[in-house]
Amino acid sequence: MSRRTISLLAAISAAWTLAASPSGAALPTHAELRAKTDRFLERRPAVSQRLGGSGGVRGGGGPGTVLPGSRVVSFYGAPQMNQTILGMRGPASAASALAQQAAPYETLGERPVIAEFDLVSVFATAGGGPDGLYRSRQDPEVIDIYLRRARAADARLMLDIQPGRATFADELEALADYVAEPDVDVAIDPEWNVGRRGIPGRSIGRVTAKEVNAVSRTLARTVRAYGLPPKLLVVHQFRRGSVRGRGEIRQRPGVQVLLNFDGIGSPEPKAAGYAALTTPRLFDGFSLFYSRDTPLMKPGAVLRLEPEPDFLLYQ
């Protein structure tokens, strides 16, 4: 084995080690989430009403598609998650900061940029809760606020699912009314998909190609039923075991499946981990952590990654 190969494997291993807990903060309880939600809603952030939105789709890869003609730059989190960018800023401030963060990618890259809020809409929790499923659903009023704010900025909204002991299918069904909107996408987080006996924060979850394909099948049916433009389906990953059978994941008409690398740390191991987990036929995403990457990669360096990312997620 060559010295270069050994160095690359060491860098990949470091990336996965650094990514071992991409979520960061301790998981909340149901009661803590409810209290934080109530405090957020008491402030009632004012957003002008827009009943429909294009989600910034400019049709670069086919009628109404986002990828590959455009690149998505997104902010992750929720107002209940203080250590995320959507937890540190209110919706209006986050929209302004997102526009500033996206601007260099428009200038330096060759693709137009679409902004997106990646809102955690199902939280993995520290306790089982009333139904024992170790998850709590986002308040619909909160989702409404972020959807209106996204539309006011000509951006998109992504609903991020951390299912705990529930299933992605059940949580997607609970969000069906939002998924039927033309500018709403879906993300699934295998780290928190712990099965019927797992405990979030103690058990490291995963997702199978069969589960991913089931979610994309549901999204494709929704797109057909409502005559919608294609949707993004983002699958988070921070190690190879996050996604089982990745080569069997299907791309369907109406759904664009993307694997997003959630590694944390310094640029070299992050780049190596990202490159190692790319999968043919699927789009590529890359996460950046404002307070945990050392140092935070600049847009020019991000655009030099191989392959060039289609989706960027700032936390």
Protein backbone atom coordinates (compact mmCIF):
# COMPACT_ATOMS: atom_id res chain seq x y z
CA MET A 1 0.00 0.00 0.00
CA SER A 2 1.46 3.38 -1.01
CA ARG A 3 2.21 6.18 1.44
CA ARG A 4 -0.36 8.35 -0.37
CA THR A 5 -3.06 5.68 0.04
CA ILE A 6 -2.24 5.29 3.72
CA SER A 7 -2.43 9.07 4.17
CA LEU A 8 -5.81 9.21 2.41
CA LEU A 9 -7.23 6.38 4.53
CA ALA A 10 -6.01 8.10 7.68
CA ALA A 11 -7.69 11.33 6.60
CA ILE A 12 -10.96 9.52 5.91
CA SER A 13 -10.78 7.79 9.27
CA ALA A 14 -10.20 11.15 10.96
CA ALA A 15 -13.21 12.62 9.17
CA TRP A 16 -15.47 9.85 10.38
CA THR A 17 -14.10 10.15 13.92
CA LEU A 18 -14.68 13.88 13.94
CA ALA A 19 -18.15 13.30 12.56
CA ALA A 20 -19.10 10.76 15.20
CA SER A 21 -21.67 13.09 16.77
CA PRO A 22 -22.66 15.69 14.18
CA SER A 23 -25.70 16.75 16.17
CA GLY A 24 -23.59 18.33 18.91
CA ALA A 25 -25.85 19.25 21.81
CA ALA A 26 -27.60 16.81 24.12
CA LEU A 27 -31.03 15.71 22.95
CA PRO A 28 -34.02 17.62 24.32
CA THR A 29 -36.94 16.11 26.19
CA HIS A 30 -40.52 16.52 25.00
CA ALA A 31 -41.16 19.04 27.77
CA GLU A 32 -38.11 21.10 26.87
CA LEU A 33 -39.14 21.21 23.22
CA ARG A 34 -42.66 22.31 24.12
CA ALA A 35 -41.37 25.09 26.37
CA LYS A 36 -38.99 26.37 23.70
CA THR A 37 -41.72 26.20 21.07
CA ASP A 38 -44.09 28.21 23.25
CA ARG A 39 -41.43 30.89 23.82
CA PHE A 40 -40.78 31.13 20.09
CA LEU A 41 -44.47 31.38 19.22
CA GLU A 42 -45.08 34.01 21.89
CA ARG A 43 -42.91 36.35 19.83
CA ARG A 44 -45.04 35.60 16.74
CA PRO A 45 -42.51 36.56 14.06
CA ALA A 46 -44.37 38.62 11.47
CA VAL A 47 -44.12 37.36 7.89
CA SER A 48 -46.09 38.56 4.90
CA GLN A 49 -48.48 35.98 3.47
CA ARG A 50 -47.58 34.22 0.22
CA LEU A 51 -49.84 31.34 -0.61
CA GLY A 52 -47.59 29.80 -3.26
CA GLY A 53 -43.95 29.89 -4.14
CA SER A 54 -41.61 28.79 -6.89
CA GLY A 55 -38.87 27.99 -4.42
CA GLY A 56 -36.38 29.73 -6.65
CA VAL A 57 -36.65 27.02 -9.32
CA ARG A 58 -35.27 28.30 -12.58
CA GLY A 59 -35.40 25.11 -14.59
CA GLY A 60 -31.71 24.40 -15.14
CA GLY A 61 -31.90 20.60 -15.27
CA GLY A 62 -35.27 20.07 -16.89
CA PRO A 63 -38.77 21.47 -16.38
CA GLY A 64 -38.91 22.88 -12.85
CA THR A 65 -35.93 20.91 -11.52
CA VAL A 66 -33.47 22.22 -8.95
CA LEU A 67 -30.47 20.00 -9.80
CA PRO A 68 -28.10 19.94 -11.55
CA GLY A 69 -28.81 23.30 -13.16
CA SER A 70 -28.73 25.13 -9.83
CA ARG A 71 -26.90 24.75 -6.53
CA VAL A 72 -28.67 24.84 -3.16
CA VAL A 73 -27.23 26.67 -0.14
CA SER A 74 -29.17 25.98 3.05
CA PHE A 75 -29.34 26.81 6.76
CA TYR A 76 -30.08 23.96 9.17
CA GLY A 77 -31.79 23.75 12.52
CA ALA A 78 -34.88 24.91 14.36
CA PRO A 79 -35.76 27.72 16.76
CA GLN A 80 -35.75 25.11 19.56
CA MET A 81 -32.14 24.08 18.77
CA ASN A 82 -30.01 26.86 20.20
CA GLN A 83 -26.70 25.67 18.75
CA THR A 84 -27.91 25.62 15.14
CA ILE A 85 -27.96 28.62 12.84
CA LEU A 86 -31.80 28.59 12.76
CA GLY A 87 -31.77 28.49 16.56
CA MET A 88 -29.34 31.39 16.95
CA ARG A 89 -31.22 33.71 14.57
CA GLY A 90 -34.86 34.53 14.14
CA PRO A 91 -36.49 33.75 10.77
CA ALA A 92 -35.97 37.21 9.27
CA SER A 93 -32.35 37.45 10.44
CA ALA A 94 -31.67 33.91 9.22
CA ALA A 95 -33.09 34.73 5.78
CA SER A 96 -30.82 37.76 5.51
CA ALA A 97 -27.75 35.82 6.66
CA LEU A 98 -28.57 32.98 4.29
CA ALA A 99 -28.68 35.37 1.35
CA GLN A 100 -25.25 36.69 2.35
CA GLN A 101 -23.84 33.18 2.72
CA ALA A 102 -25.21 32.10 -0.66
CA ALA A 103 -23.92 35.13 -2.58
CA PRO A 104 -20.27 33.99 -2.99
CA TYR A 105 -21.39 30.70 -4.50
CA GLU A 106 -23.35 32.62 -7.12
CA THR A 107 -20.31 34.78 -7.86
CA LEU A 108 -17.64 32.07 -7.84
CA GLY A 109 -19.61 29.16 -9.24
CA GLU A 110 -21.12 28.53 -12.64
CA ARG A 111 -24.62 27.70 -11.43
CA PRO A 112 -27.37 29.93 -10.06
CA VAL A 113 -27.97 29.46 -6.34
CA ILE A 114 -31.22 28.59 -4.60
CA ALA A 115 -31.52 29.30 -0.87
CA GLU A 116 -33.29 26.90 1.48
CA PHE A 117 -34.23 26.55 5.13
CA ASP A 118 -33.60 23.00 6.40
CA LEU A 119 -36.04 22.99 9.32
CA VAL A 120 -35.98 20.09 11.77
CA SER A 121 -39.61 19.00 11.65
CA VAL A 122 -39.33 15.77 13.64
CA PHE A 123 -36.93 15.81 16.61
CA ALA A 124 -35.22 12.80 18.14
CA THR A 125 -35.72 13.15 21.91
CA ALA A 126 -34.03 12.10 25.13
CA GLY A 127 -37.16 10.38 26.46
CA GLY A 128 -39.67 8.06 24.89
CA GLY A 129 -42.59 10.44 25.33
CA PRO A 130 -46.27 9.50 25.51
CA ASP A 131 -46.04 6.95 22.69
CA GLY A 132 -42.55 5.64 23.48
CA LEU A 133 -41.21 6.59 20.04
CA TYR A 134 -38.43 8.93 21.18
CA ARG A 135 -39.45 11.68 18.79
CA SER A 136 -41.44 14.89 18.87
CA ARG A 137 -43.11 16.56 15.90
CA GLN A 138 -42.57 20.21 15.08
CA ASP A 139 -45.50 22.52 15.80
CA PRO A 140 -47.35 23.30 12.53
CA GLU A 141 -47.34 27.01 13.40
CA VAL A 142 -43.54 26.94 13.37
CA ILE A 143 -43.46 25.21 9.99
CA ASP A 144 -45.93 27.79 8.64
CA ILE A 145 -43.69 30.66 9.81
CA TYR A 146 -40.61 29.25 8.08
CA LEU A 147 -42.52 28.39 4.92
CA ARG A 148 -43.84 31.94 4.64
CA ARG A 149 -40.41 33.38 5.38
CA ALA A 150 -38.82 31.13 2.73
CA ARG A 151 -41.40 32.24 0.18
CA ALA A 152 -40.83 35.89 1.03
CA ALA A 153 -37.15 35.32 0.14
CA ASP A 154 -37.92 33.23 -2.98
CA ALA A 155 -36.30 30.29 -1.19
CA ARG A 156 -37.34 26.73 -0.46
CA LEU A 157 -38.21 24.87 2.75
CA MET A 158 -36.86 21.43 3.62
CA LEU A 159 -38.53 19.32 6.31
CA ASP A 160 -35.86 17.37 8.19
CA ILE A 161 -36.93 14.11 9.87
CA GLN A 162 -35.20 12.56 12.91
CA PRO A 163 -37.56 9.62 13.50
CA GLY A 164 -36.29 8.03 16.72
CA ARG A 165 -38.21 4.74 17.01
CA ALA A 166 -40.87 5.89 14.54
CA THR A 167 -40.49 5.25 10.81
CA PHE A 168 -39.66 7.68 8.05
CA ALA A 169 -42.85 6.58 6.30
CA ASP A 170 -45.09 7.47 9.25
CA GLU A 171 -43.42 10.84 9.81
CA LEU A 172 -43.61 11.67 6.11
CA GLU A 173 -47.35 10.90 6.18
CA ALA A 174 -47.79 13.28 9.13
CA LEU A 175 -46.15 16.02 7.03
CA ALA A 176 -48.14 15.20 3.87
CA ASP A 177 -49.96 18.54 3.65
CA TYR A 178 -46.67 20.42 3.57
CA VAL A 179 -44.99 17.97 1.20
CA ALA A 180 -47.82 18.63 -1.26
CA GLU A 181 -46.55 22.22 -1.62
CA PRO A 182 -44.42 22.95 -4.72
CA ASP A 183 -41.45 24.44 -2.83
CA VAL A 184 -41.11 21.96 0.04
CA ASP A 185 -38.43 19.24 0.10
CA VAL A 186 -37.61 16.44 2.53
CA ALA A 187 -34.47 15.35 4.40
CA ILE A 188 -34.07 12.13 6.39
CA ASP A 189 -31.45 11.67 9.09
CA PRO A 190 -30.29 8.05 9.54
CA GLU A 191 -28.30 8.88 12.69
CA TRP A 192 -31.62 9.14 14.54
CA ASN A 193 -33.35 6.21 12.85
CA VAL A 194 -32.74 3.80 15.74
CA GLY A 195 -35.41 1.13 15.17
CA ARG A 196 -37.92 -0.33 17.61
CA ARG A 197 -35.46 -0.89 20.48
CA GLY A 198 -32.82 1.79 19.98
CA ILE A 199 -32.40 4.95 22.03
CA PRO A 200 -31.37 8.17 20.27
CA GLY A 201 -28.04 9.42 21.56
CA ARG A 202 -27.02 5.92 22.64
CA SER A 203 -27.75 3.97 19.46
CA ILE A 204 -26.27 5.15 16.16
CA GLY A 205 -28.97 4.70 13.56
CA ARG A 206 -28.81 3.94 9.88
CA VAL A 207 -31.05 3.72 6.84
CA THR A 208 -31.31 1.09 4.12
CA ALA A 209 -31.71 1.62 0.41
CA LYS A 210 -35.15 0.01 0.74
CA GLU A 211 -36.24 2.69 3.23
CA VAL A 212 -34.84 5.51 1.09
CA ASN A 213 -36.58 4.12 -1.99
CA ALA A 214 -39.86 3.89 -0.07
CA VAL A 215 -39.61 7.57 0.87
CA SER A 216 -38.77 8.59 -2.71
CA ARG A 217 -41.68 6.49 -3.99
CA THR A 218 -44.07 8.39 -1.71
CA LEU A 219 -42.63 11.73 -2.82
CA ALA A 220 -42.92 10.71 -6.48
CA ARG A 221 -46.59 9.81 -5.97
CA THR A 222 -47.20 13.22 -4.36
CA VAL A 223 -45.48 15.00 -7.25
CA ARG A 224 -47.64 13.13 -9.79
CA ALA A 225 -50.88 13.55 -7.86
CA TYR A 226 -50.53 17.32 -7.50
CA GLY A 227 -48.66 18.11 -10.70
CA LEU A 228 -45.67 19.46 -8.76
CA PRO A 229 -42.14 20.24 -9.86
CA PRO A 230 -39.53 17.67 -8.74
CA LYS A 231 -38.54 17.55 -5.10
CA LEU A 232 -35.22 17.06 -3.36
CA LEU A 233 -34.74 14.12 -1.02
CA VAL A 234 -31.63 14.66 1.12
CA VAL A 235 -30.17 11.71 3.02
CA HIS A 236 -27.72 12.66 5.77
CA GLN A 237 -24.59 10.56 6.29
CA PHE A 238 -21.44 10.86 8.36
CA ARG A 239 -19.95 7.38 7.88
CA ARG A 240 -20.30 4.56 5.38
CA GLY A 241 -22.59 2.64 7.72
CA SER A 242 -25.10 5.51 7.75
CA VAL A 243 -26.60 4.27 4.47
CA ARG A 244 -26.82 0.53 3.75
CA GLY A 245 -26.90 -0.57 0.10
CA ARG A 246 -26.34 2.93 -1.24
CA GLY A 247 -25.74 1.57 -4.74
CA GLU A 248 -29.36 0.37 -4.80
CA ILE A 249 -30.89 3.79 -4.14
CA ARG A 250 -33.05 4.81 -7.10
CA GLN A 251 -33.52 8.12 -8.80
CA ARG A 252 -37.18 8.52 -9.76
CA PRO A 253 -39.01 10.94 -12.02
CA GLY A 254 -40.11 13.77 -9.77
CA VAL A 255 -37.52 13.16 -7.01
CA GLN A 256 -33.85 14.10 -6.92
CA VAL A 257 -32.01 12.03 -4.30
CA LEU A 258 -28.92 13.51 -2.69
CA LEU A 259 -26.44 12.16 -0.11
CA ASN A 260 -25.18 14.88 2.25
CA PHE A 261 -21.88 14.41 4.10
CA ASP A 262 -22.15 15.65 7.71
CA GLY A 263 -18.47 15.32 8.69
CA ILE A 264 -17.04 17.78 11.20
CA GLY A 265 -13.44 18.94 11.52
CA SER A 266 -10.63 20.35 9.42
CA PRO A 267 -10.79 20.73 5.63
CA GLU A 268 -8.53 17.86 4.56
CA PRO A 269 -10.28 15.01 6.40
CA LYS A 270 -13.69 16.50 5.60
CA ALA A 271 -12.82 16.56 1.90
CA ALA A 272 -11.52 12.98 2.04
CA GLY A 273 -14.60 11.70 3.85
CA TYR A 274 -16.88 13.47 1.42
CA ALA A 275 -15.09 12.05 -1.63
CA ALA A 276 -15.14 8.55 -0.15
CA LEU A 277 -18.91 8.56 0.34
CA THR A 278 -20.05 9.94 -3.00
CA THR A 279 -22.23 7.52 -4.94
CA PRO A 280 -22.75 7.36 -8.71
CA ARG A 281 -26.18 8.51 -9.96
CA LEU A 282 -26.92 10.42 -6.74
CA PHE A 283 -26.37 14.12 -6.15
CA ASP A 284 -23.79 15.29 -3.61
CA GLY A 285 -24.12 17.47 -0.51
CA PHE A 286 -21.63 18.81 2.02
CA SER A 287 -22.18 20.22 5.53
CA LEU A 288 -20.27 23.10 7.11
CA PHE A 289 -20.36 23.83 10.84
CA TYR A 290 -19.85 27.45 11.88
CA SER A 291 -18.67 26.68 15.43
CA ARG A 292 -17.20 23.18 15.04
CA ASP A 293 -15.19 23.10 11.81
CA THR A 294 -11.54 24.09 12.29
CA PRO A 295 -11.30 26.25 10.27
CA LEU A 296 -14.55 26.79 8.39
CA MET A 297 -13.93 26.24 4.69
CA LYS A 298 -14.45 29.27 2.48
CA PRO A 299 -16.75 29.06 -0.56
CA GLY A 300 -13.84 28.97 -3.01
CA ALA A 301 -12.38 25.93 -1.25
CA VAL A 302 -15.78 24.26 -1.09
CA LEU A 303 -16.22 24.64 -4.83
CA ARG A 304 -12.87 22.90 -5.39
CA LEU A 305 -14.12 19.71 -3.72
CA GLU A 306 -14.30 16.63 -5.94
CA PRO A 307 -17.02 16.15 -6.99
CA GLU A 308 -18.28 19.72 -6.79
CA PRO A 309 -21.20 19.77 -4.31
CA ASP A 310 -24.75 20.27 -5.53
CA PHE A 311 -26.03 21.11 -2.04
CA LEU A 312 -24.42 22.93 0.89
CA LEU A 313 -25.77 22.79 4.41
CA TYR A 314 -24.60 25.33 6.99
CA GLN A 315 -25.21 24.59 10.67
